[in-house]
């Protein structure tokens, strides 16, 4: 069964990268580390549709550029 916990107050997150949060000691830590330290949450990794599309497009470009330099005879 899942429980929902709430973090409250202002949480200073980097406006540039959005991947680090300033903790109580003034250290900038990854979002995942901050949330794990301040809740009972655990993370697992997946890939959102936007990132999947970007990754797929990058992979196709890489393969096409590699294949553009090859000859039909191999």
PDB file of N, CA and C in Angstrom:
ATOM      1  N   UNK A   1       0.841  -1.170   0.000  1.00  0.00           N
ATOM      2  CA  UNK A   1       0.000   0.000   0.000  1.00  0.00           C
ATOM      3  C   UNK A   1       0.894   1.244   0.000  1.00  0.00           C
ATOM      4  N   UNK A   2       0.502   2.239  -0.764  1.00  0.00           N
ATOM      5  CA  UNK A   2       1.270   3.479  -0.879  1.00  0.00           C
ATOM      6  C   UNK A   2       0.747   4.505   0.114  1.00  0.00           C
ATOM      7  N   UNK A   3       1.648   5.277   0.675  1.00  0.00           N
ATOM      8  CA  UNK A   3       1.248   6.406   1.503  1.00  0.00           C
ATOM      9  C   UNK A   3       1.779   7.668   0.860  1.00  0.00           C
ATOM     10  N   UNK A   4       1.085   8.745   1.092  1.00  0.00           N
ATOM     11  CA  UNK A   4       1.501  10.032   0.546  1.00  0.00           C
ATOM     12  C   UNK A   4       2.032  10.876   1.690  1.00  0.00           C
ATOM     13  N   UNK A   5       3.255  11.361   1.533  1.00  0.00           N
ATOM     14  CA  UNK A   5       3.843  12.262   2.517  1.00  0.00           C
ATOM     15  C   UNK A   5       4.057  13.602   1.842  1.00  0.00           C
ATOM     16  N   UNK A   6       3.990  14.644   2.626  1.00  0.00           N
ATOM     17  CA  UNK A   6       4.095  15.981   2.076  1.00  0.00           C
ATOM     18  C   UNK A   6       5.303  16.711   2.634  1.00  0.00           C
ATOM     19  N   UNK A   7       6.109  17.267   1.743  1.00  0.00           N
ATOM     20  CA  UNK A   7       7.157  18.200   2.141  1.00  0.00           C
ATOM     21  C   UNK A   7       6.516  19.579   2.096  1.00  0.00           C
ATOM     22  N   UNK A   8       6.809  20.407   3.068  1.00  0.00           N
ATOM     23  CA  UNK A   8       6.184  21.723   3.067  1.00  0.00           C
ATOM     24  C   UNK A   8       7.229  22.814   3.223  1.00  0.00           C
ATOM     25  N   UNK A   9       6.811  24.025   2.977  1.00  0.00           N
ATOM     26  CA  UNK A   9       7.705  25.170   3.072  1.00  0.00           C
ATOM     27  C   UNK A   9       8.355  25.466   1.737  1.00  0.00           C
ATOM     28  N   UNK A  10       9.254  26.423   1.750  1.00  0.00           N
ATOM     29  CA  UNK A  10       9.982  26.775   0.537  1.00  0.00           C
ATOM     30  C   UNK A  10      11.194  25.865   0.397  1.00  0.00           C
ATOM     31  N   UNK A  11      11.346  25.284  -0.759  1.00  0.00           N
ATOM     32  CA  UNK A  11      12.485  24.412  -1.040  1.00  0.00           C
ATOM     33  C   UNK A  11      13.285  25.077  -2.156  1.00  0.00           C
ATOM     34  N   UNK A  12      14.488  25.581  -1.848  1.00  0.00           N
ATOM     35  CA  UNK A  12      15.284  26.268  -2.867  1.00  0.00           C
ATOM     36  C   UNK A  12      15.883  25.282  -3.871  1.00  0.00           C
ATOM     37  N   UNK A  13      15.380  25.337  -5.097  1.00  0.00           N
ATOM     38  CA  UNK A  13      15.857  24.462  -6.171  1.00  0.00           C
ATOM     39  C   UNK A  13      16.589  25.330  -7.192  1.00  0.00           C
ATOM     40  N   UNK A  14      17.634  24.792  -7.798  1.00  0.00           N
ATOM     41  CA  UNK A  14      18.418  25.547  -8.771  1.00  0.00           C
ATOM     42  C   UNK A  14      17.525  25.971  -9.942  1.00  0.00           C
ATOM     43  N   UNK A  15      17.489  27.272 -10.194  1.00  0.00           N
ATOM     44  CA  UNK A  15      16.676  27.794 -11.287  1.00  0.00           C
ATOM     45  C   UNK A  15      17.287  27.484 -12.647  1.00  0.00           C
ATOM     46  N   UNK A  16      18.570  27.143 -12.669  1.00  0.00           N
ATOM     47  CA  UNK A  16      19.249  26.893 -13.937  1.00  0.00           C
ATOM     48  C   UNK A  16      19.065  25.452 -14.392  1.00  0.00           C
ATOM     49  N   UNK A  17      19.459  24.490 -13.542  1.00  0.00           N
ATOM     50  CA  UNK A  17      19.397  23.087 -13.970  1.00  0.00           C
ATOM     51  C   UNK A  17      18.170  22.360 -13.433  1.00  0.00           C
ATOM     52  N   UNK A  18      17.612  22.826 -12.309  1.00  0.00           N
ATOM     53  CA  UNK A  18      16.445  22.168 -11.728  1.00  0.00           C
ATOM     54  C   UNK A  18      16.739  20.805 -11.142  1.00  0.00           C
ATOM     55  N   UNK A  19      18.017  20.479 -10.947  1.00  0.00           N
ATOM     56  CA  UNK A  19      18.383  19.142 -10.480  1.00  0.00           C
ATOM     57  C   UNK A  19      18.985  19.121  -9.084  1.00  0.00           C
ATOM     58  N   UNK A  20      19.192  20.291  -8.493  1.00  0.00           N
ATOM     59  CA  UNK A  20      19.785  20.323  -7.152  1.00  0.00           C
ATOM     60  C   UNK A  20      18.973  21.231  -6.242  1.00  0.00           C
ATOM     61  N   UNK A  21      18.937  20.845  -4.958  1.00  0.00           N
ATOM     62  CA  UNK A  21      18.212  21.580  -3.931  1.00  0.00           C
ATOM     63  C   UNK A  21      19.206  21.969  -2.848  1.00  0.00           C
ATOM     64  N   UNK A  22      19.064  23.181  -2.336  1.00  0.00           N
ATOM     65  CA  UNK A  22      19.930  23.621  -1.248  1.00  0.00           C
ATOM     66  C   UNK A  22      19.374  23.100   0.071  1.00  0.00           C
ATOM     67  N   UNK A  23      20.197  22.344   0.797  1.00  0.00           N
ATOM     68  CA  UNK A  23      19.735  21.784   2.071  1.00  0.00           C
ATOM     69  C   UNK A  23      19.965  22.771   3.217  1.00  0.00           C
ATOM     70  N   UNK A  24      19.630  22.323   4.423  1.00  0.00           N
ATOM     71  CA  UNK A  24      19.708  23.179   5.605  1.00  0.00           C
ATOM     72  C   UNK A  24      21.127  23.667   5.895  1.00  0.00           C
ATOM     73  N   UNK A  25      22.128  22.917   5.443  1.00  0.00           N
ATOM     74  CA  UNK A  25      23.528  23.273   5.685  1.00  0.00           C
ATOM     75  C   UNK A  25      24.124  24.130   4.569  1.00  0.00           C
ATOM     76  N   UNK A  26      23.301  24.474   3.578  1.00  0.00           N
ATOM     77  CA  UNK A  26      23.785  25.283   2.465  1.00  0.00           C
ATOM     78  C   UNK A  26      24.436  24.483   1.352  1.00  0.00           C
ATOM     79  N   UNK A  27      24.360  23.157   1.440  1.00  0.00           N
ATOM     80  CA  UNK A  27      24.918  22.293   0.388  1.00  0.00           C
ATOM     81  C   UNK A  27      23.881  22.076  -0.702  1.00  0.00           C
ATOM     82  N   UNK A  28      24.345  22.043  -1.944  1.00  0.00           N
ATOM     83  CA  UNK A  28      23.453  21.764  -3.066  1.00  0.00           C
ATOM     84  C   UNK A  28      23.518  20.267  -3.356  1.00  0.00           C
ATOM     85  N   UNK A  29      22.386  19.592  -3.184  1.00  0.00           N
ATOM     86  CA  UNK A  29      22.329  18.137  -3.321  1.00  0.00           C
ATOM     87  C   UNK A  29      21.327  17.767  -4.409  1.00  0.00           C
ATOM     88  N   UNK A  30      21.498  16.599  -5.037  1.00  0.00           N
ATOM     89  CA  UNK A  30      20.533  16.158  -6.040  1.00  0.00           C
ATOM     90  C   UNK A  30      19.123  16.062  -5.446  1.00  0.00           C
ATOM     91  N   UNK A  31      18.127  16.366  -6.265  1.00  0.00           N
ATOM     92  CA  UNK A  31      16.733  16.330  -5.823  1.00  0.00           C
ATOM     93  C   UNK A  31      16.402  14.995  -5.166  1.00  0.00           C
ATOM     94  N   UNK A  32      16.824  13.892  -5.785  1.00  0.00           N
ATOM     95  CA  UNK A  32      16.509  12.567  -5.244  1.00  0.00           C
ATOM     96  C   UNK A  32      17.071  12.394  -3.838  1.00  0.00           C
ATOM     97  N   UNK A  33      18.305  12.843  -3.631  1.00  0.00           N
ATOM     98  CA  UNK A  33      18.940  12.711  -2.313  1.00  0.00           C
ATOM     99  C   UNK A  33      18.198  13.544  -1.274  1.00  0.00           C
ATOM    100  N   UNK A  34      17.785  14.739  -1.647  1.00  0.00           N
ATOM    101  CA  UNK A  34      17.069  15.608  -0.716  1.00  0.00           C
ATOM    102  C   UNK A  34      15.742  14.975  -0.306  1.00  0.00           C
ATOM    103  N   UNK A  35      14.992  14.508  -1.279  1.00  0.00           N
ATOM    104  CA  UNK A  35      13.681  13.920  -0.975  1.00  0.00           C
ATOM    105  C   UNK A  35      13.841  12.659  -0.139  1.00  0.00           C
ATOM    106  N   UNK A  36      14.815  11.824  -0.452  1.00  0.00           N
ATOM    107  CA  UNK A  36      15.040  10.619   0.346  1.00  0.00           C
ATOM    108  C   UNK A  36      15.429  10.966   1.777  1.00  0.00           C
ATOM    109  N   UNK A  37      16.192  12.033   1.971  1.00  0.00           N
ATOM    110  CA  UNK A  37      16.628  12.423   3.315  1.00  0.00           C
ATOM    111  C   UNK A  37      15.500  13.056   4.129  1.00  0.00           C
ATOM    112  N   UNK A  38      14.486  13.600   3.455  1.00  0.00           N
ATOM    113  CA  UNK A  38      13.425  14.318   4.155  1.00  0.00           C
ATOM    114  C   UNK A  38      12.069  13.618   4.089  1.00  0.00           C
ATOM    115  N   UNK A  39      12.048  12.388   3.640  1.00  0.00           N
ATOM    116  CA  UNK A  39      10.794  11.630   3.580  1.00  0.00           C
ATOM    117  C   UNK A  39      11.136  10.146   3.573  1.00  0.00           C
ATOM    118  N   UNK A  40      10.122   9.336   3.471  1.00  0.00           N
ATOM    119  CA  UNK A  40      10.330   7.891   3.383  1.00  0.00           C
ATOM    120  C   UNK A  40      10.286   7.414   1.931  1.00  0.00           C
ATOM    121  N   UNK A  41      10.331   8.364   1.005  1.00  0.00           N
ATOM    122  CA  UNK A  41      10.243   8.024  -0.414  1.00  0.00           C
ATOM    123  C   UNK A  41      11.521   7.344  -0.882  1.00  0.00           C
ATOM    124  N   UNK A  42      11.356   6.436  -1.830  1.00  0.00           N
ATOM    125  CA  UNK A  42      12.474   5.796  -2.506  1.00  0.00           C
ATOM    126  C   UNK A  42      12.269   6.001  -3.998  1.00  0.00           C
ATOM    127  N   UNK A  43      13.362   6.064  -4.729  1.00  0.00           N
ATOM    128  CA  UNK A  43      13.275   6.328  -6.161  1.00  0.00           C
ATOM    129  C   UNK A  43      13.606   5.089  -6.973  1.00  0.00           C
ATOM    130  N   UNK A  44      12.952   5.002  -8.103  1.00  0.00           N
ATOM    131  CA  UNK A  44      13.301   4.046  -9.131  1.00  0.00           C
ATOM    132  C   UNK A  44      13.365   4.866 -10.417  1.00  0.00           C
ATOM    133  N   UNK A  45      14.067   4.385 -11.389  1.00  0.00           N
ATOM    134  CA  UNK A  45      14.249   5.182 -12.592  1.00  0.00           C
ATOM    135  C   UNK A  45      13.422   4.649 -13.749  1.00  0.00           C
ATOM    136  N   UNK A  46      12.922   5.555 -14.516  1.00  0.00           N
ATOM    137  CA  UNK A  46      12.177   5.266 -15.726  1.00  0.00           C
ATOM    138  C   UNK A  46      12.547   6.334 -16.741  1.00  0.00           C
ATOM    139  N   UNK A  47      11.812   6.396 -17.831  1.00  0.00           N
ATOM    140  CA  UNK A  47      12.074   7.417 -18.836  1.00  0.00           C
ATOM    141  C   UNK A  47      10.736   8.000 -19.282  1.00  0.00           C
ATOM    142  N   UNK A  48      10.606   9.320 -19.147  1.00  0.00           N
ATOM    143  CA  UNK A  48       9.367   9.971 -19.558  1.00  0.00           C
ATOM    144  C   UNK A  48       9.284   9.987 -21.091  1.00  0.00           C
ATOM    145  N   UNK A  49       8.087  10.163 -21.640  1.00  0.00           N
ATOM    146  CA  UNK A  49       7.930  10.161 -23.101  1.00  0.00           C
ATOM    147  C   UNK A  49       8.779  11.220 -23.804  1.00  0.00           C
ATOM    148  N   UNK A  50       8.922  12.412 -23.224  1.00  0.00           N
ATOM    149  CA  UNK A  50       9.734  13.459 -23.865  1.00  0.00           C
ATOM    150  C   UNK A  50      11.197  13.042 -23.968  1.00  0.00           C
ATOM    151  N   UNK A  51      11.744  12.495 -22.883  1.00  0.00           N
ATOM    152  CA  UNK A  51      13.145  12.049 -22.904  1.00  0.00           C
ATOM    153  C   UNK A  51      13.326  10.866 -23.849  1.00  0.00           C
ATOM    154  N   UNK A  52      12.350   9.963 -23.880  1.00  0.00           N
ATOM    155  CA  UNK A  52      12.441   8.823 -24.790  1.00  0.00           C
ATOM    156  C   UNK A  52      12.509   9.309 -26.238  1.00  0.00           C
ATOM    157  N   UNK A  53      11.669  10.279 -26.577  1.00  0.00           N
ATOM    158  CA  UNK A  53      11.667  10.819 -27.939  1.00  0.00           C
ATOM    159  C   UNK A  53      13.012  11.456 -28.270  1.00  0.00           C
ATOM    160  N   UNK A  54      13.558  12.262 -27.338  1.00  0.00           N
ATOM    161  CA  UNK A  54      14.866  12.883 -27.574  1.00  0.00           C
ATOM    162  C   UNK A  54      15.958  11.833 -27.724  1.00  0.00           C
ATOM    163  N   UNK A  55      15.952  10.825 -26.858  1.00  0.00           N
ATOM    164  CA  UNK A  55      16.965   9.767 -26.909  1.00  0.00           C
ATOM    165  C   UNK A  55      16.873   9.018 -28.235  1.00  0.00           C
ATOM    166  N   UNK A  56      15.649   8.714 -28.653  1.00  0.00           N
ATOM    167  CA  UNK A  56      15.447   7.981 -29.898  1.00  0.00           C
ATOM    168  C   UNK A  56      15.931   8.810 -31.089  1.00  0.00           C
ATOM    169  N   UNK A  57      15.595  10.099 -31.105  1.00  0.00           N
ATOM    170  CA  UNK A  57      16.034  10.969 -32.204  1.00  0.00           C
ATOM    171  C   UNK A  57      17.558  11.072 -32.245  1.00  0.00           C
ATOM    172  N   UNK A  58      18.190  11.194 -31.087  1.00  0.00           N
ATOM    173  CA  UNK A  58      19.657  11.246 -31.028  1.00  0.00           C
ATOM    174  C   UNK A  58      20.269   9.948 -31.540  1.00  0.00           C
ATOM    175  N   UNK A  59      19.685   8.814 -31.160  1.00  0.00           N
ATOM    176  CA  UNK A  59      20.205   7.514 -31.590  1.00  0.00           C
ATOM    177  C   UNK A  59      20.069   7.353 -33.102  1.00  0.00           C
ATOM    178  N   UNK A  60      18.943   7.767 -33.658  1.00  0.00           N
ATOM    179  CA  UNK A  60      18.733   7.667 -35.106  1.00  0.00           C
ATOM    180  C   UNK A  60      19.745   8.549 -35.839  1.00  0.00           C
ATOM    181  N   UNK A  61      19.963   9.777 -35.349  1.00  0.00           N
ATOM    182  CA  UNK A  61      20.957  10.665 -35.976  1.00  0.00           C
ATOM    183  C   UNK A  61      22.347  10.046 -35.938  1.00  0.00           C
ATOM    184  N   UNK A  62      22.712   9.466 -34.812  1.00  0.00           N
ATOM    185  CA  UNK A  62      24.028   8.840 -34.675  1.00  0.00           C
ATOM    186  C   UNK A  62      24.175   7.684 -35.650  1.00  0.00           C
ATOM    187  N   UNK A  63      23.172   6.827 -35.725  1.00  0.00           N
ATOM    188  CA  UNK A  63      23.233   5.686 -36.645  1.00  0.00           C
ATOM    189  C   UNK A  63      23.308   6.142 -38.092  1.00  0.00           C
ATOM    190  N   UNK A  64      22.530   7.159 -38.449  1.00  0.00           N
ATOM    191  CA  UNK A  64      22.557   7.657 -39.829  1.00  0.00           C
ATOM    192  C   UNK A  64      23.918   8.247 -40.172  1.00  0.00           C
ATOM    193  N   UNK A  65      24.520   8.976 -39.237  1.00  0.00           N
ATOM    194  CA  UNK A  65      25.831   9.564 -39.540  1.00  0.00           C
ATOM    195  C   UNK A  65      26.896   8.479 -39.653  1.00  0.00           C
ATOM    196  N   UNK A  66      26.796   7.425 -38.863  1.00  0.00           N
ATOM    197  CA  UNK A  66      27.743   6.308 -38.978  1.00  0.00           C
ATOM    198  C   UNK A  66      27.557   5.580 -40.304  1.00  0.00           C
ATOM    199  N   UNK A  67      26.300   5.373 -40.683  1.00  0.00           N
ATOM    200  CA  UNK A  67      26.014   4.651 -41.925  1.00  0.00           C
ATOM    201  C   UNK A  67      26.337   5.486 -43.157  1.00  0.00           C
ATOM    202  N   UNK A  68      26.305   6.797 -43.045  1.00  0.00           N
ATOM    203  CA  UNK A  68      26.597   7.663 -44.186  1.00  0.00           C
ATOM    204  C   UNK A  68      28.041   7.508 -44.643  1.00  0.00           C
ATOM    205  N   UNK A  69      28.925   7.144 -43.746  1.00  0.00           N
ATOM    206  CA  UNK A  69      30.331   6.978 -44.088  1.00  0.00           C
ATOM    207  C   UNK A  69      30.686   5.586 -44.560  1.00  0.00           C
ATOM    208  N   UNK A  70      29.763   4.639 -44.473  1.00  0.00           N
ATOM    209  CA  UNK A  70      30.081   3.262 -44.878  1.00  0.00           C
ATOM    210  C   UNK A  70      29.752   3.049 -46.349  1.00  0.00           C
ATOM    211  N   UNK A  71      30.398   2.063 -46.950  1.00  0.00           N
ATOM    212  CA  UNK A  71      30.157   1.739 -48.356  1.00  0.00           C
ATOM    213  C   UNK A  71      29.200   0.562 -48.438  1.00  0.00           C
ATOM    214  N   UNK A  72      28.492   0.413 -49.566  1.00  0.00           N
ATOM    215  CA  UNK A  72      27.553  -0.710 -49.700  1.00  0.00           C
ATOM    216  C   UNK A  72      28.234  -2.072 -49.586  1.00  0.00           C
ATOM    217  N   UNK A  73      29.529  -2.163 -49.912  1.00  0.00           N
ATOM    218  CA  UNK A  73      30.223  -3.446 -49.848  1.00  0.00           C
ATOM    219  C   UNK A  73      30.620  -3.809 -48.421  1.00  0.00           C
ATOM    220  N   UNK A  74      30.480  -2.857 -47.479  1.00  0.00           N
ATOM    221  CA  UNK A  74      30.797  -3.129 -46.087  1.00  0.00           C
ATOM    222  C   UNK A  74      32.178  -2.785 -45.801  1.00  0.00           C
TER     223      UNK A  74
END
